[in-house]
Amino acid sequence: MSTTHRTAPRARRARLGAVASVAGVVLLAGCASPLPTPEPDESPATPPPVLDEGQESEVLAAVGAALEEAGAANDPALLEDRLTGPALDIRTSQLAVAQARGDGDLVTELPTDVQQVVLPTTQTWPRTSYAVSVQPESLQSLRLTVYEQAGPRDQYELWGWVRLFPSTTLPSFAAPTLGSEAVAPDDDSLLVPPTDALAQYADVLNVGSSSSFAGTFPDDPFRALLAERAKLWNDALAPAAGSYSLTFTPDPDEPVRAVRTADGGALVVGAMTSAESMTAEEGAVVPPSTETEKALFGDTEATNVLKVGYVDVVAMYVPPAGSEEQVRVLGTEHVATSIATS
């Protein structure tokens, strides 16, 4: 009995000690500050640029090297890794023309030293960047070049370029460190959606002041140049009862490229093709008139019909919706790439 009485208090003390230890843990836990809950970093309102200025410089250098190498070897195949779209079509034709005429000046000079870049914030593909060159050594107008990355494993390639009009004032863009938003071809936050802007300009080129969109665009040097050429051809063809026409068509395989400007408008760059036709009466002869046409013409026998195909690139500024400004064409490239006699 006495043994039983002595053992019981020890057992109770052991149990109480265990309870006290657990209680202490509970008390300590109850007195401790609550554990912080992890919170994700706030996403910036505008995504950062997906291409920085250093990377853009590498793109420009790589494209410049491809242009130089292809020009030196007169081999268009050397362009294919770094040029695409209308840029590849134009440069391929220009290399053939330069070789045929023995004149490197028939190839558009494209400086890769630039004074301004517009970098993308687009998180998906394709991704497009833009650059404005320094003045070429030939003292011609500045070039606006467009570069595109088709997919995550693809290199940036030169997609197109325009020669900016001498009097052009470019719109302002976000700083390269912030990047600029891509604008969809059907974006309705603009005075005219980008795709429609290109189609409307093509209509103005085709029918002039008779176009229902003539009031959307002010006069520009490209239209003046085309009007002068049309007059020269019409005057030359008149004695032979001839006719002249030039028709522009937006390229259905090349969606417009567009990027947001600082004021909420957009820089829009689009590709077109154009078909020029000169026809005289039977028995007359219509020969090629420019060095490029002569190179494309080669040894073909002239007839009373001459048809010239062009690849065109147009850049324009489209104001935001509600603006009282007009859509301004900033520059163009218009290069003959084919010729036929029927």
Protein backbone atom coordinates (compact mmCIF):
# COMPACT_ATOMS: atom_id res chain seq x y z
CA MET A 1 0.00 0.00 0.00
CA SER A 2 2.69 2.46 1.02
CA THR A 3 4.50 1.77 -2.22
CA THR A 4 1.35 2.53 -4.13
CA HIS A 5 0.87 5.82 -2.29
CA ARG A 6 4.46 6.92 -3.00
CA THR A 7 4.25 6.11 -6.72
CA ALA A 8 1.00 7.92 -7.51
CA PRO A 9 2.20 11.47 -6.71
CA ARG A 10 5.29 10.95 -8.92
CA ALA A 11 3.06 9.83 -11.79
CA ARG A 12 0.79 12.80 -11.27
CA ARG A 13 3.77 15.16 -11.15
CA ALA A 14 5.11 13.68 -14.37
CA ARG A 15 1.76 14.11 -16.05
CA LEU A 16 1.43 17.67 -14.73
CA GLY A 17 4.94 18.45 -15.93
CA ALA A 18 4.10 17.20 -19.39
CA VAL A 19 0.89 19.23 -19.40
CA ALA A 20 2.78 22.30 -18.22
CA SER A 21 5.34 21.86 -20.99
CA VAL A 22 2.62 21.62 -23.60
CA ALA A 23 0.82 24.58 -22.05
CA GLY A 24 4.03 26.56 -22.19
CA VAL A 25 4.37 25.85 -25.87
CA VAL A 26 0.76 26.85 -26.41
CA LEU A 27 1.24 30.01 -24.39
CA LEU A 28 4.40 30.89 -26.28
CA ALA A 29 2.66 30.31 -29.56
CA GLY A 30 -0.26 32.40 -28.41
CA CYS A 31 1.98 35.27 -27.40
CA ALA A 32 4.11 35.20 -30.57
CA SER A 33 3.46 37.58 -33.50
CA PRO A 34 1.54 35.96 -36.40
CA LEU A 35 3.72 34.72 -39.26
CA PRO A 36 3.77 37.10 -42.24
CA THR A 37 1.77 36.02 -45.28
CA PRO A 38 3.84 36.15 -48.50
CA GLU A 39 2.48 38.65 -51.00
CA PRO A 40 3.41 38.76 -54.69
CA ASP A 41 5.20 41.84 -55.97
CA GLU A 42 2.86 44.32 -57.58
CA SER A 43 2.92 44.13 -61.36
CA PRO A 44 3.79 47.41 -63.07
CA ALA A 45 0.88 49.14 -64.76
CA THR A 46 2.84 49.02 -68.01
CA PRO A 47 5.03 45.98 -68.78
CA PRO A 48 8.73 46.79 -69.11
CA PRO A 49 10.36 46.67 -72.54
CA VAL A 50 11.21 43.16 -73.70
CA LEU A 51 14.23 44.48 -75.61
CA ASP A 52 16.71 46.95 -74.14
CA GLU A 53 18.90 49.45 -75.98
CA GLY A 54 21.95 47.22 -75.80
CA GLN A 55 20.08 44.31 -77.34
CA GLU A 56 18.65 46.59 -80.03
CA SER A 57 22.19 47.70 -80.87
CA GLU A 58 23.13 44.04 -81.33
CA VAL A 59 20.16 43.55 -83.65
CA LEU A 60 21.15 46.58 -85.71
CA ALA A 61 24.75 45.40 -85.95
CA ALA A 62 23.72 41.89 -87.03
CA VAL A 63 21.35 43.23 -89.69
CA GLY A 64 24.00 45.66 -90.89
CA ALA A 65 26.55 42.85 -91.19
CA ALA A 66 24.10 40.75 -93.23
CA LEU A 67 23.37 43.68 -95.55
CA GLU A 68 27.07 44.36 -96.05
CA GLU A 69 27.98 40.71 -96.61
CA ALA A 70 25.14 40.15 -99.09
CA GLY A 71 26.04 43.34 -100.93
CA ALA A 72 29.72 42.46 -101.18
CA ALA A 73 28.96 38.96 -102.48
CA ASN A 74 25.89 40.08 -104.42
CA ASP A 75 24.17 37.04 -102.92
CA PRO A 76 20.54 37.50 -101.77
CA ALA A 77 20.70 34.14 -99.95
CA LEU A 78 22.87 35.83 -97.33
CA LEU A 79 19.94 38.09 -96.44
CA GLU A 80 17.49 35.37 -95.48
CA ASP A 81 18.53 35.01 -91.82
CA ARG A 82 18.18 38.73 -91.12
CA LEU A 83 15.61 40.14 -93.56
CA THR A 84 11.96 39.28 -94.05
CA GLY A 85 8.76 40.66 -95.56
CA PRO A 86 8.99 43.62 -97.94
CA ALA A 87 12.58 44.32 -96.85
CA LEU A 88 13.71 40.96 -98.21
CA ASP A 89 11.74 41.39 -101.43
CA ILE A 90 13.13 44.87 -102.07
CA ARG A 91 16.74 44.10 -101.20
CA THR A 92 16.77 40.89 -103.25
CA SER A 93 15.59 42.83 -106.30
CA GLN A 94 18.01 45.70 -105.68
CA LEU A 95 21.02 43.39 -105.55
CA ALA A 96 20.07 41.89 -108.92
CA VAL A 97 19.55 45.35 -110.39
CA ALA A 98 22.87 46.65 -109.05
CA GLN A 99 24.72 43.70 -110.54
CA ALA A 100 23.01 44.05 -113.91
CA ARG A 101 23.76 47.77 -114.17
CA GLY A 102 27.11 47.72 -112.38
CA ASP A 103 25.88 50.44 -110.04
CA GLY A 104 25.84 49.95 -106.28
CA ASP A 105 23.99 53.24 -105.86
CA LEU A 106 20.83 51.45 -107.00
CA VAL A 107 20.79 49.69 -103.61
CA THR A 108 19.16 51.73 -100.84
CA GLU A 109 21.67 52.90 -98.24
CA LEU A 110 20.55 51.75 -94.79
CA PRO A 111 22.68 53.15 -91.95
CA THR A 112 22.61 51.06 -88.78
CA ASP A 113 23.81 54.01 -86.70
CA VAL A 114 20.62 55.40 -85.22
CA GLN A 115 19.47 58.44 -83.32
CA GLN A 116 16.22 57.03 -81.89
CA VAL A 117 14.77 53.62 -81.06
CA VAL A 118 11.23 52.59 -80.12
CA LEU A 119 11.28 49.38 -78.10
CA PRO A 120 8.40 46.92 -77.57
CA THR A 121 6.65 45.95 -74.35
CA THR A 122 4.70 43.17 -76.08
CA GLN A 123 4.82 40.00 -73.97
CA THR A 124 3.75 37.76 -76.86
CA TRP A 125 4.94 37.38 -80.44
CA PRO A 126 5.56 38.78 -82.96
CA ARG A 127 7.51 41.61 -81.36
CA THR A 128 8.38 44.73 -83.30
CA SER A 129 10.95 47.47 -82.73
CA TYR A 130 11.64 50.63 -84.70
CA ALA A 131 14.70 52.81 -85.31
CA VAL A 132 15.42 56.17 -86.93
CA SER A 133 18.81 56.35 -88.62
CA VAL A 134 21.36 59.09 -88.69
CA GLN A 135 21.60 60.82 -92.06
CA PRO A 136 23.11 58.52 -94.71
CA GLU A 137 26.53 59.40 -96.15
CA SER A 138 24.76 60.18 -99.42
CA LEU A 139 22.96 62.99 -97.55
CA GLN A 140 19.62 61.47 -98.46
CA SER A 141 16.74 61.54 -95.99
CA LEU A 142 16.69 59.62 -92.72
CA ARG A 143 15.48 56.02 -92.71
CA LEU A 144 12.82 54.59 -90.43
CA THR A 145 13.49 50.85 -90.09
CA VAL A 146 11.21 48.18 -88.65
CA TYR A 147 12.50 44.98 -87.02
CA GLU A 148 10.47 41.95 -86.03
CA GLN A 149 10.91 38.79 -83.98
CA ALA A 150 8.41 36.18 -85.17
CA GLY A 151 8.73 33.81 -82.20
CA PRO A 152 10.70 33.17 -79.00
CA ARG A 153 13.43 31.19 -80.79
CA ASP A 154 13.67 33.49 -83.80
CA GLN A 155 16.13 36.30 -84.40
CA TYR A 156 15.01 39.87 -84.94
CA GLU A 157 14.89 40.57 -88.67
CA LEU A 158 14.59 43.72 -90.74
CA TRP A 159 10.97 43.73 -91.92
CA GLY A 160 10.83 47.02 -93.80
CA TRP A 161 12.00 50.58 -94.13
CA VAL A 162 10.90 53.95 -95.44
CA ARG A 163 12.71 57.10 -96.46
CA LEU A 164 11.33 59.80 -94.18
CA PHE A 165 10.17 62.93 -95.98
CA PRO A 166 12.66 65.79 -95.50
CA SER A 167 10.13 67.97 -93.68
CA THR A 168 8.74 65.19 -91.49
CA THR A 169 8.29 65.71 -87.77
CA LEU A 170 8.00 62.37 -86.01
CA PRO A 171 5.56 61.95 -83.13
CA SER A 172 6.95 61.48 -79.62
CA PHE A 173 7.29 58.03 -78.05
CA ALA A 174 7.86 56.67 -74.56
CA ALA A 175 11.50 56.52 -73.48
CA PRO A 176 13.30 53.29 -74.46
CA THR A 177 13.62 52.40 -70.78
CA LEU A 178 9.83 52.32 -70.55
CA GLY A 179 9.03 50.80 -73.92
CA SER A 180 6.01 51.34 -76.17
CA GLU A 181 2.81 49.36 -76.53
CA ALA A 182 2.03 47.57 -79.78
CA VAL A 183 -1.25 48.63 -81.39
CA ALA A 184 -3.54 46.05 -82.98
CA PRO A 185 -4.38 46.41 -86.70
CA ASP A 186 -8.06 46.95 -85.84
CA ASP A 187 -7.51 49.22 -82.81
CA ASP A 188 -10.44 51.63 -82.51
CA SER A 189 -8.81 54.05 -80.06
CA LEU A 190 -7.40 55.91 -83.05
CA LEU A 191 -8.88 58.39 -85.48
CA VAL A 192 -8.73 55.57 -88.04
CA PRO A 193 -7.86 51.92 -87.26
CA PRO A 194 -4.37 51.07 -88.61
CA THR A 195 -5.54 48.66 -91.32
CA ASP A 196 -8.15 51.14 -92.52
CA ALA A 197 -5.60 53.97 -92.55
CA LEU A 198 -3.42 52.05 -95.02
CA ALA A 199 -6.39 51.10 -97.20
CA GLN A 200 -7.66 54.69 -97.24
CA TYR A 201 -4.25 56.03 -98.23
CA ALA A 202 -4.07 53.49 -101.07
CA ASP A 203 -7.44 54.77 -102.27
CA VAL A 204 -6.17 58.35 -102.21
CA LEU A 205 -3.10 57.30 -104.21
CA ASN A 206 -5.34 55.57 -106.73
CA VAL A 207 -8.00 58.22 -107.34
CA GLY A 208 -6.59 61.39 -105.80
CA SER A 209 -8.99 64.15 -104.83
CA SER A 210 -11.91 62.00 -105.99
CA SER A 211 -11.33 59.65 -103.05
CA SER A 212 -13.83 59.90 -100.22
CA PHE A 213 -10.80 59.80 -97.90
CA ALA A 214 -8.94 62.69 -99.54
CA GLY A 215 -9.69 64.96 -96.58
CA THR A 216 -8.11 62.51 -94.14
CA PHE A 217 -4.61 63.09 -95.50
CA PRO A 218 -2.73 66.31 -96.29
CA ASP A 219 -0.66 66.50 -99.47
CA ASP A 220 2.72 64.80 -99.25
CA PRO A 221 5.92 64.52 -101.34
CA PHE A 222 5.17 60.96 -102.47
CA ARG A 223 1.86 61.94 -104.01
CA ALA A 224 3.54 64.91 -105.69
CA LEU A 225 6.25 62.63 -107.13
CA LEU A 226 3.67 60.17 -108.48
CA ALA A 227 1.64 62.99 -110.03
CA GLU A 228 4.75 64.30 -111.80
CA ARG A 229 5.59 60.84 -113.16
CA ALA A 230 2.01 60.30 -114.34
CA LYS A 231 2.09 63.62 -116.20
CA LEU A 232 5.37 62.75 -117.93
CA TRP A 233 4.04 59.39 -119.07
CA ASN A 234 0.67 60.73 -120.18
CA ASP A 235 2.41 63.45 -122.20
CA ALA A 236 4.75 60.89 -123.78
CA LEU A 237 1.98 58.43 -124.59
CA ALA A 238 -0.54 60.94 -125.92
CA PRO A 239 0.84 61.04 -129.51
CA ALA A 240 0.57 57.23 -129.64
CA ALA A 241 -3.00 57.17 -128.32
CA GLY A 242 -1.63 55.62 -125.16
CA SER A 243 -2.72 55.43 -121.55
CA TYR A 244 -1.08 55.34 -118.15
CA SER A 245 -2.26 53.91 -114.82
CA LEU A 246 -0.84 53.15 -111.39
CA THR A 247 -2.78 51.14 -108.82
CA PHE A 248 -1.85 50.53 -105.18
CA THR A 249 -3.07 47.56 -103.13
CA PRO A 250 -2.35 46.85 -99.44
CA ASP A 251 -0.48 43.55 -99.16
CA PRO A 252 -3.03 41.03 -97.80
CA ASP A 253 -0.23 38.80 -96.48
CA GLU A 254 1.37 41.51 -94.36
CA PRO A 255 -0.67 42.95 -91.47
CA VAL A 256 0.20 46.54 -90.63
CA ARG A 257 2.70 47.13 -87.84
CA ALA A 258 1.73 49.81 -85.33
CA VAL A 259 3.05 51.20 -82.06
CA ARG A 260 1.59 53.66 -79.56
CA THR A 261 2.82 57.25 -79.54
CA ALA A 262 3.10 59.38 -76.41
CA ASP A 263 -0.15 61.23 -77.18
CA GLY A 264 -2.22 58.06 -77.56
CA GLY A 265 -1.97 57.94 -81.35
CA ALA A 266 0.07 55.43 -83.32
CA LEU A 267 2.91 55.07 -85.77
CA VAL A 268 1.58 52.76 -88.48
CA VAL A 269 3.79 51.03 -91.05
CA GLY A 270 2.22 49.00 -93.84
CA ALA A 271 3.24 47.11 -96.96
CA MET A 272 1.61 47.54 -100.35
CA THR A 273 2.19 46.46 -103.90
CA SER A 274 1.61 48.69 -106.89
CA ALA A 275 1.12 47.98 -110.58
CA GLU A 276 2.07 50.54 -113.22
CA SER A 277 0.87 50.14 -116.80
CA MET A 278 1.89 52.07 -119.91
CA THR A 279 0.08 51.15 -123.14
CA ALA A 280 0.42 52.65 -126.63
CA GLU A 281 -1.23 51.89 -129.96
CA GLU A 282 -0.29 48.80 -131.96
CA GLY A 283 3.09 49.18 -133.64
CA ALA A 284 4.40 51.62 -131.03
CA VAL A 285 7.17 50.71 -128.60
CA VAL A 286 7.20 51.56 -124.88
CA PRO A 287 10.75 51.11 -123.53
CA PRO A 288 11.84 51.06 -119.86
CA SER A 289 12.70 54.51 -118.56
CA THR A 290 14.76 54.16 -115.36
CA GLU A 291 18.01 52.33 -114.61
CA THR A 292 16.11 49.91 -112.38
CA GLU A 293 13.55 49.22 -115.10
CA LYS A 294 16.31 48.66 -117.66
CA ALA A 295 18.01 46.15 -115.37
CA LEU A 296 14.76 44.26 -114.77
CA PHE A 297 13.94 44.44 -118.49
CA GLY A 298 17.22 42.87 -119.57
CA ASP A 299 17.18 41.53 -123.14
CA THR A 300 13.39 41.47 -123.40
CA GLU A 301 12.04 42.83 -126.67
CA ALA A 302 10.01 46.01 -126.15
CA THR A 303 6.37 46.10 -127.23
CA ASN A 304 3.57 48.64 -127.04
CA VAL A 305 2.92 47.59 -123.43
CA LEU A 306 5.12 48.06 -120.38
CA LYS A 307 4.04 46.90 -116.93
CA VAL A 308 6.11 47.53 -113.81
CA GLY A 309 5.46 45.94 -110.42
CA TYR A 310 6.55 47.64 -107.21
CA VAL A 311 6.91 46.77 -103.55
CA ASP A 312 5.91 49.68 -101.32
CA VAL A 313 6.24 50.49 -97.63
CA VAL A 314 4.39 53.42 -96.06
CA ALA A 315 4.76 54.94 -92.59
CA MET A 316 2.13 57.26 -91.16
CA TYR A 317 1.10 58.91 -87.93
CA VAL A 318 -2.52 58.26 -86.93
CA PRO A 319 -3.84 60.61 -84.21
CA PRO A 320 -5.97 59.36 -81.31
CA ALA A 321 -9.75 59.19 -81.71
CA GLY A 322 -11.43 62.58 -81.42
CA SER A 323 -8.40 64.48 -82.69
CA GLU A 324 -8.86 67.28 -85.20
CA GLU A 325 -5.51 66.43 -86.83
CA GLN A 326 -5.22 64.60 -90.13
CA VAL A 327 -3.43 61.31 -90.67
CA ARG A 328 0.11 62.28 -91.72
CA VAL A 329 2.23 60.17 -94.05
CA LEU A 330 5.81 60.31 -92.74
CA GLY A 331 7.72 58.49 -95.44
CA THR A 332 7.60 55.81 -98.12
CA GLU A 333 9.68 53.34 -100.09
CA HIS A 334 8.62 52.55 -103.68
CA VAL A 335 10.88 50.09 -105.49
CA ALA A 336 10.37 48.40 -108.85
CA THR A 337 10.83 44.63 -108.53
CA SER A 338 9.32 43.19 -111.73
CA ILE A 339 8.61 44.12 -115.33
CA ALA A 340 6.55 42.68 -118.19
CA THR A 341 5.57 43.55 -121.76
CA SER A 342 2.06 42.15 -121.84
